[in-house]
Amino acid sequence: MKNQVMEHVLQQVADLHGVDQNTVSAGIQEAMEAARRTEDADSGVFWQMMPEDATVLDLILGMTHLLCAE
């Protein structure tokens, strides 16, 4: 179920930007790697909660969890 939701989200983003899902996923992965290198304290707290080998799905689920908790 989670993978189906992720596929749907990635497809919606891909459709919105006129690219394919692989392009969206690669862009998110690149952003994740850059975010891990940031020196921002608030971002650091988030990334400490994420596994080192976090996938795009892990990121989406982690962010959703934080947003729903607020």
Protein backbone atom coordinates (compact mmCIF):
# COMPACT_ATOMS: atom_id res chain seq x y z
CA MET A 1 0.00 0.00 0.00
CA LYS A 2 2.77 2.46 0.94
CA ASN A 3 4.56 1.84 -2.34
CA GLN A 4 1.33 2.43 -4.26
CA VAL A 5 0.85 5.75 -2.49
CA MET A 6 4.44 6.75 -3.22
CA GLU A 7 4.09 5.78 -6.87
CA HIS A 8 0.93 7.88 -7.10
CA VAL A 9 2.61 10.89 -5.48
CA LEU A 10 5.68 10.60 -7.70
CA GLN A 11 3.48 10.27 -10.79
CA GLN A 12 1.49 13.37 -9.84
CA VAL A 13 4.70 15.38 -9.44
CA ALA A 14 6.06 13.96 -12.69
CA ASP A 15 2.88 14.85 -14.57
CA LEU A 16 2.90 18.34 -13.12
CA HIS A 17 6.44 18.95 -14.36
CA GLY A 18 6.29 16.98 -17.62
CA VAL A 19 8.93 14.42 -16.62
CA ASP A 20 8.93 10.74 -15.66
CA GLN A 21 8.91 9.20 -12.18
CA ASN A 22 12.60 8.29 -12.37
CA THR A 23 13.49 11.94 -12.90
CA VAL A 24 11.39 12.97 -9.89
CA SER A 25 12.87 10.23 -7.72
CA ALA A 26 16.42 11.13 -8.76
CA GLY A 27 15.77 14.79 -8.01
CA ILE A 28 14.44 13.97 -4.57
CA GLN A 29 17.40 11.67 -3.89
CA GLU A 30 19.79 14.47 -4.91
CA ALA A 31 17.97 16.91 -2.62
CA MET A 32 18.15 14.41 0.24
CA GLU A 33 21.91 14.10 -0.17
CA ALA A 34 22.33 17.88 -0.20
CA ALA A 35 20.06 18.25 2.85
CA ARG A 36 22.15 15.76 4.81
CA ARG A 37 25.18 18.00 4.26
CA THR A 38 23.52 21.17 5.54
CA GLU A 39 24.72 22.81 8.74
CA ASP A 40 21.22 24.03 9.64
CA ALA A 41 20.42 22.77 13.16
CA ASP A 42 16.71 22.21 12.53
CA SER A 43 17.40 20.20 9.40
CA GLY A 44 20.04 18.24 11.26
CA VAL A 45 17.49 17.10 13.83
CA PHE A 46 15.20 15.80 11.08
CA TRP A 47 18.00 13.94 9.30
CA GLN A 48 19.20 12.36 12.55
CA MET A 49 15.76 10.70 12.75
CA MET A 50 16.10 9.28 9.24
CA PRO A 51 18.09 6.11 8.52
CA GLU A 52 21.34 6.71 6.65
CA ASP A 53 20.04 4.65 3.73
CA ALA A 54 16.62 6.36 3.69
CA THR A 55 14.67 5.99 0.47
CA VAL A 56 12.38 8.50 -1.17
CA LEU A 57 9.49 6.60 0.47
CA ASP A 58 11.16 6.95 3.89
CA LEU A 59 11.48 10.69 3.32
CA ILE A 60 7.84 11.11 2.27
CA LEU A 61 6.62 9.05 5.22
CA GLY A 62 8.89 10.90 7.68
CA MET A 63 7.78 14.30 6.48
CA THR A 64 4.12 13.24 6.52
CA HIS A 65 4.49 12.00 10.08
CA LEU A 66 5.99 15.31 11.20
CA LEU A 67 3.32 17.36 9.42
CA CYS A 68 0.49 15.31 10.90
CA ALA A 69 1.97 15.62 14.38
CA GLU A 70 1.78 19.43 14.28
